[in-house]
Amino acid sequence: MPSGEPSVGAGRRAKAVAVVAATTVVVTACVAGSLLLGGGGDNAGAVASTSHSPTAPAPASATPHVAETERPVIPGWKVVVNPDFGTAFDVPPDWDVKPPSEAYGFQDRKLDPDDPRNWSRFIIAMSGYALLRDDWCVPDIDENGRVVGSELAGAGTKGAQGAGDTGQVALNGAPKWVYGGYTQPDKKSIVSDRTAKPYTTKSGVKGSIAWARSRNAPRRNACSTDGKAVTFGFRNSAGGYVAWSLYGATGVRDELPDSTIMRILGTVRLHGKPRKP
């Protein structure tokens, strides 16, 4: 199991698929189960194309990571912006902030990630995201012969159209991140909040939060871990429901503390006019 130094292995999560400006799909060796692009609709704000490159780096995006006028709430931290849903939040300086035109999510590990027909089939996805130590687990070969690996944690936002309230957004999101990233195909090891709790960020955004964690999930290889996730459901300036989520590995020496997660969550704020409902 991963601890201080990255350990070899992979499995529960698989490949990260990023969509850049909705024109190029880029697969990188990061996350062990099956990561998929956060394609269409309200889930991530990106659409897959038919260009697929397992090794090429993502082309430079014309959209900057952060608006020049946006400053972190916490000095020295980095700002993550999602212009599609009009949100922003901060992450510590050791996180890697991705371009807002990229999307990221978990695909059913039984599906072939190299099949274009599966690019829009995902368990959950997000955009406007950042990753913590995406080389934390050294890439290795999974049971399907693919090179995969894992980051320590990730956070981002997605739309939640159709939700009835912010509590529903929170309760629906957290267990899906744990299932997609750490336990699939097992669901019995996931322990989730049954009710969401009211929460207000430092900027005054009101909504609801819920947690989910896995306990003793089946291990497929040396890189498998249990995981945790928290989702904050709220409304953006256009009145649309939005889900902010953070997931991470648990039971490891480098586990992201809940106190740090809550500090990151506290920086979630509205930013600009949403491009989507």
Protein backbone atom coordinates (compact mmCIF):
# COMPACT_ATOMS: atom_id res chain seq x y z
CA MET A 1 0.00 0.00 0.00
CA PRO A 2 1.33 3.49 -0.80
CA SER A 3 2.87 5.38 2.08
CA GLY A 4 5.69 7.91 2.22
CA GLU A 5 7.42 6.96 -1.00
CA PRO A 6 5.39 6.21 -4.11
CA SER A 7 4.78 2.50 -4.46
CA VAL A 8 4.29 0.50 -7.60
CA GLY A 9 1.03 -0.97 -8.71
CA ALA A 10 -2.32 0.22 -9.92
CA GLY A 11 -5.76 -1.08 -10.46
CA ARG A 12 -8.76 0.38 -8.72
CA ARG A 13 -8.52 3.58 -10.66
CA ALA A 14 -7.10 3.75 -14.11
CA LYS A 15 -6.41 6.41 -16.65
CA ALA A 16 -6.96 10.12 -16.43
CA VAL A 17 -8.58 11.49 -19.53
CA ALA A 18 -8.44 15.23 -20.09
CA VAL A 19 -10.38 17.18 -22.67
CA VAL A 20 -8.66 20.33 -23.85
CA ALA A 21 -10.83 22.93 -25.56
CA ALA A 22 -13.15 20.07 -26.55
CA THR A 23 -10.80 19.09 -29.37
CA THR A 24 -8.14 16.72 -28.05
CA VAL A 25 -8.47 13.81 -25.65
CA VAL A 26 -5.28 13.24 -23.70
CA VAL A 27 -4.73 10.14 -21.60
CA THR A 28 -2.10 10.33 -18.90
CA ALA A 29 -0.94 7.61 -16.54
CA CYS A 30 -2.47 8.74 -13.33
CA VAL A 31 -5.22 7.17 -11.29
CA ALA A 32 -5.69 3.50 -10.99
CA GLY A 33 -9.56 2.23 -11.66
CA SER A 34 -10.69 3.82 -14.77
CA LEU A 35 -10.72 7.51 -15.13
CA LEU A 36 -12.65 9.10 -17.78
CA LEU A 37 -13.09 12.42 -19.29
CA GLY A 38 -15.76 14.52 -17.78
CA GLY A 39 -17.69 14.81 -20.95
CA GLY A 40 -20.87 16.49 -21.72
CA GLY A 41 -23.79 18.00 -20.01
CA ASP A 42 -23.75 19.34 -16.51
CA ASN A 43 -21.21 16.87 -15.21
CA ALA A 44 -18.01 18.54 -16.21
CA GLY A 45 -18.50 21.00 -18.99
CA ALA A 46 -16.40 19.31 -21.69
CA VAL A 47 -17.07 17.08 -24.67
CA ALA A 48 -14.96 14.22 -25.98
CA SER A 49 -13.57 14.25 -29.48
CA THR A 50 -12.25 11.43 -31.62
CA SER A 51 -8.59 12.33 -31.20
CA HIS A 52 -6.98 10.00 -28.69
CA SER A 53 -3.34 10.08 -27.63
CA PRO A 54 -2.13 7.95 -24.69
CA THR A 55 1.25 9.64 -24.41
CA ALA A 56 1.14 13.14 -25.89
CA PRO A 57 1.00 16.06 -23.44
CA ALA A 58 -2.06 18.25 -23.46
CA PRO A 59 -1.74 21.15 -25.90
CA ALA A 60 -1.56 24.59 -24.38
CA SER A 61 -4.95 26.05 -23.69
CA ALA A 62 -5.83 29.55 -24.82
CA THR A 63 -7.75 29.98 -21.58
CA PRO A 64 -5.59 31.00 -18.61
CA HIS A 65 -5.78 28.94 -15.43
CA VAL A 66 -6.82 31.94 -13.40
CA ALA A 67 -8.33 35.28 -14.25
CA GLU A 68 -5.80 38.05 -13.68
CA THR A 69 -8.13 39.71 -11.21
CA GLU A 70 -8.65 36.57 -9.13
CA ARG A 71 -6.48 36.35 -6.04
CA PRO A 72 -6.37 33.50 -3.54
CA VAL A 73 -8.28 33.89 -0.32
CA ILE A 74 -5.37 32.26 1.48
CA PRO A 75 -2.06 34.03 0.70
CA GLY A 76 0.42 31.79 -1.10
CA TRP A 77 -2.22 29.31 -2.28
CA LYS A 78 -3.32 28.76 -5.88
CA VAL A 79 -6.70 29.62 -7.40
CA VAL A 80 -8.79 27.07 -9.32
CA VAL A 81 -11.48 28.58 -11.54
CA ASN A 82 -14.42 26.94 -13.30
CA PRO A 83 -15.88 29.51 -15.72
CA ASP A 84 -18.59 27.10 -16.87
CA PHE A 85 -20.27 27.12 -13.49
CA GLY A 86 -18.95 30.42 -12.13
CA THR A 87 -16.92 29.09 -9.22
CA ALA A 88 -13.45 29.33 -7.74
CA PHE A 89 -11.55 27.86 -4.81
CA ASP A 90 -7.98 27.76 -3.49
CA VAL A 91 -5.54 24.87 -3.05
CA PRO A 92 -2.17 24.74 -1.27
CA PRO A 93 0.94 25.57 -3.35
CA ASP A 94 1.96 21.92 -3.85
CA TRP A 95 -1.23 21.16 -5.83
CA ASP A 96 -1.22 21.11 -9.63
CA VAL A 97 -3.96 23.35 -11.05
CA LYS A 98 -5.26 22.17 -14.41
CA PRO A 99 -6.63 24.41 -17.19
CA PRO A 100 -10.37 25.03 -16.82
CA SER A 101 -10.89 23.56 -20.30
CA GLU A 102 -9.89 20.13 -19.01
CA ALA A 103 -12.24 17.62 -17.41
CA TYR A 104 -11.49 14.60 -15.27
CA GLY A 105 -13.49 11.73 -13.84
CA PHE A 106 -13.89 8.03 -13.14
CA GLN A 107 -15.02 5.53 -15.71
CA ASP A 108 -16.38 2.06 -15.02
CA ARG A 109 -13.23 -0.05 -14.77
CA LYS A 110 -14.90 -2.82 -16.76
CA LEU A 111 -15.05 -0.60 -19.83
CA ASP A 112 -12.23 -0.36 -22.33
CA PRO A 113 -10.85 3.21 -22.03
CA ASP A 114 -9.33 2.92 -25.50
CA ASP A 115 -12.76 2.48 -27.09
CA PRO A 116 -14.14 5.88 -28.20
CA ARG A 117 -17.65 4.62 -27.53
CA ASN A 118 -16.83 4.61 -23.83
CA TRP A 119 -15.47 8.14 -23.59
CA SER A 120 -18.83 9.57 -22.57
CA ARG A 121 -19.67 6.77 -20.14
CA PHE A 122 -18.52 7.67 -16.68
CA ILE A 123 -19.41 7.24 -13.04
CA ILE A 124 -18.63 10.85 -12.13
CA ALA A 125 -16.52 13.67 -13.52
CA MET A 126 -15.52 17.27 -12.86
CA SER A 127 -13.76 20.25 -14.37
CA GLY A 128 -12.10 23.32 -12.91
CA TYR A 129 -9.94 20.92 -10.94
CA ALA A 130 -6.55 20.42 -9.31
CA LEU A 131 -4.56 17.33 -8.29
CA LEU A 132 -2.22 16.68 -5.40
CA ARG A 133 0.89 14.69 -6.30
CA ASP A 134 -0.34 13.00 -9.45
CA ASP A 135 2.86 10.92 -9.43
CA TRP A 136 2.29 9.74 -5.86
CA CYS A 137 1.83 6.15 -7.02
CA VAL A 138 4.48 5.16 -9.58
CA PRO A 139 2.84 3.98 -12.82
CA ASP A 140 2.69 0.23 -13.29
CA ILE A 141 0.94 -2.32 -15.46
CA ASP A 142 -2.59 -3.29 -14.46
CA GLU A 143 -4.34 -6.59 -15.08
CA ASN A 144 -5.31 -5.40 -18.56
CA GLY A 145 -1.75 -4.59 -19.51
CA ARG A 146 -2.17 -0.82 -19.27
CA VAL A 147 0.20 1.61 -17.60
CA VAL A 148 -1.64 3.27 -14.74
CA GLY A 149 -0.91 5.13 -11.54
CA SER A 150 -2.56 7.33 -8.94
CA GLU A 151 -2.61 10.83 -7.48
CA LEU A 152 -2.97 11.40 -3.76
CA ALA A 153 -6.03 13.64 -3.98
CA GLY A 154 -8.09 15.74 -6.37
CA ALA A 155 -10.72 18.48 -6.17
CA GLY A 156 -13.00 20.27 -8.61
CA THR A 157 -16.55 21.27 -9.51
CA LYS A 158 -19.38 19.98 -11.66
CA GLY A 159 -22.92 20.96 -12.44
CA ALA A 160 -25.84 19.23 -10.75
CA GLN A 161 -28.86 19.96 -12.89
CA GLY A 162 -32.00 18.18 -11.78
CA ALA A 163 -31.14 18.22 -8.10
CA GLY A 164 -33.93 19.04 -5.70
CA ASP A 165 -31.79 20.83 -3.13
CA THR A 166 -28.19 21.29 -2.03
CA GLY A 167 -28.41 18.38 0.38
CA GLN A 168 -29.25 16.02 -2.45
CA VAL A 169 -26.27 17.33 -4.42
CA ALA A 170 -23.93 16.60 -1.51
CA LEU A 171 -25.32 13.16 -0.70
CA ASN A 172 -25.22 12.06 -4.33
CA GLY A 173 -21.69 13.23 -5.01
CA ALA A 174 -19.46 12.02 -2.17
CA PRO A 175 -20.08 8.24 -2.40
CA LYS A 176 -19.68 8.27 -6.19
CA TRP A 177 -16.16 9.67 -5.89
CA VAL A 178 -15.24 7.00 -3.36
CA TYR A 179 -16.78 4.25 -5.46
CA GLY A 180 -15.27 5.42 -8.73
CA GLY A 181 -11.83 6.05 -7.33
CA TYR A 182 -11.30 3.41 -4.67
CA THR A 183 -13.81 0.58 -4.30
CA GLN A 184 -15.40 -0.38 -7.61
CA PRO A 185 -16.96 -2.79 -8.21
CA ASP A 186 -17.56 -3.10 -4.45
CA LYS A 187 -20.16 -0.85 -2.78
CA LYS A 188 -20.50 -2.56 0.60
CA SER A 189 -17.29 -1.01 1.93
CA ILE A 190 -18.56 2.57 1.48
CA VAL A 191 -19.88 4.38 4.54
CA SER A 192 -21.75 7.60 3.68
CA ASP A 193 -23.50 10.35 5.59
CA ARG A 194 -27.24 9.75 5.61
CA THR A 195 -28.07 13.41 5.94
CA ALA A 196 -26.25 16.45 4.64
CA LYS A 197 -25.20 19.24 6.97
CA PRO A 198 -25.60 22.97 6.35
CA TYR A 199 -22.33 24.70 5.51
CA THR A 200 -21.31 28.24 4.65
CA THR A 201 -17.95 29.09 3.07
CA LYS A 202 -15.76 32.01 4.12
CA SER A 203 -17.18 34.11 1.29
CA GLY A 204 -20.75 33.46 2.41
CA VAL A 205 -21.78 30.76 -0.08
CA LYS A 206 -24.44 28.67 1.66
CA GLY A 207 -25.11 25.03 0.91
CA SER A 208 -24.77 21.50 2.27
CA ILE A 209 -21.91 19.05 2.75
CA ALA A 210 -21.73 15.27 3.02
CA TRP A 211 -18.86 12.82 3.47
CA ALA A 212 -18.25 9.27 2.30
CA ARG A 213 -15.41 6.90 3.17
CA SER A 214 -14.48 3.33 2.37
CA ARG A 215 -13.44 0.81 4.98
CA ASN A 216 -11.48 -2.31 4.10
CA ALA A 217 -12.30 -2.15 0.40
CA PRO A 218 -11.01 -5.17 -1.57
CA ARG A 219 -7.36 -4.73 -2.56
CA ARG A 220 -6.45 -5.49 -6.15
CA ASN A 221 -2.75 -4.64 -5.98
CA ALA A 222 -0.08 -2.76 -4.06
CA CYS A 223 -1.41 0.63 -5.15
CA SER A 224 -4.96 0.10 -3.92
CA THR A 225 -6.12 2.12 -0.91
CA ASP A 226 -9.28 3.09 0.83
CA GLY A 227 -10.57 6.56 0.04
CA LYS A 228 -12.68 9.44 1.25
CA ALA A 229 -14.60 12.28 -0.37
CA VAL A 230 -16.59 15.32 0.62
CA THR A 231 -19.09 17.13 -1.60
CA PHE A 232 -20.41 20.65 -1.07
CA GLY A 233 -23.68 21.35 -2.85
CA PHE A 234 -24.65 24.97 -3.50
CA ARG A 235 -26.15 27.35 -6.08
CA ASN A 236 -24.14 29.61 -8.35
CA SER A 237 -25.03 33.20 -9.28
CA ALA A 238 -27.35 31.94 -12.04
CA GLY A 239 -29.28 29.81 -9.58
CA GLY A 240 -27.92 26.52 -10.91
CA TYR A 241 -26.93 23.70 -8.59
CA VAL A 242 -23.20 23.03 -8.37
CA ALA A 243 -21.20 20.28 -6.67
CA TRP A 244 -17.70 20.92 -5.38
CA SER A 245 -15.91 17.71 -4.38
CA LEU A 246 -12.57 16.64 -2.99
CA TYR A 247 -11.44 13.00 -2.85
CA GLY A 248 -8.26 11.38 -1.56
CA ALA A 249 -6.57 8.21 -0.42
CA THR A 250 -6.94 7.15 3.22
CA GLY A 251 -4.97 4.92 5.55
CA VAL A 252 -1.63 6.09 4.12
CA ARG A 253 1.14 8.12 5.70
CA ASP A 254 0.62 11.06 3.36
CA GLU A 255 -3.18 11.15 3.70
CA LEU A 256 -4.58 14.65 3.23
CA PRO A 257 -5.90 15.65 6.68
CA ASP A 258 -9.59 16.45 7.06
CA SER A 259 -8.56 19.79 8.57
CA THR A 260 -6.78 20.75 5.33
CA ILE A 261 -9.75 19.57 3.29
CA MET A 262 -12.09 21.79 5.28
CA ARG A 263 -9.72 24.72 4.89
CA ILE A 264 -9.78 24.23 1.10
CA LEU A 265 -13.56 23.88 1.16
CA GLY A 266 -13.84 27.13 3.06
CA THR A 267 -12.39 29.03 0.09
CA VAL A 268 -15.12 27.96 -2.37
CA ARG A 269 -16.73 31.07 -3.83
CA LEU A 270 -18.71 32.37 -6.77
CA HIS A 271 -16.68 33.73 -9.66
CA GLY A 272 -17.96 35.61 -12.69
CA LYS A 273 -21.04 34.84 -14.74
CA PRO A 274 -21.61 31.11 -15.28
CA ARG A 275 -21.50 29.91 -18.88
CA LYS A 276 -23.91 27.12 -18.03
CA PRO A 277 -27.09 26.95 -15.95
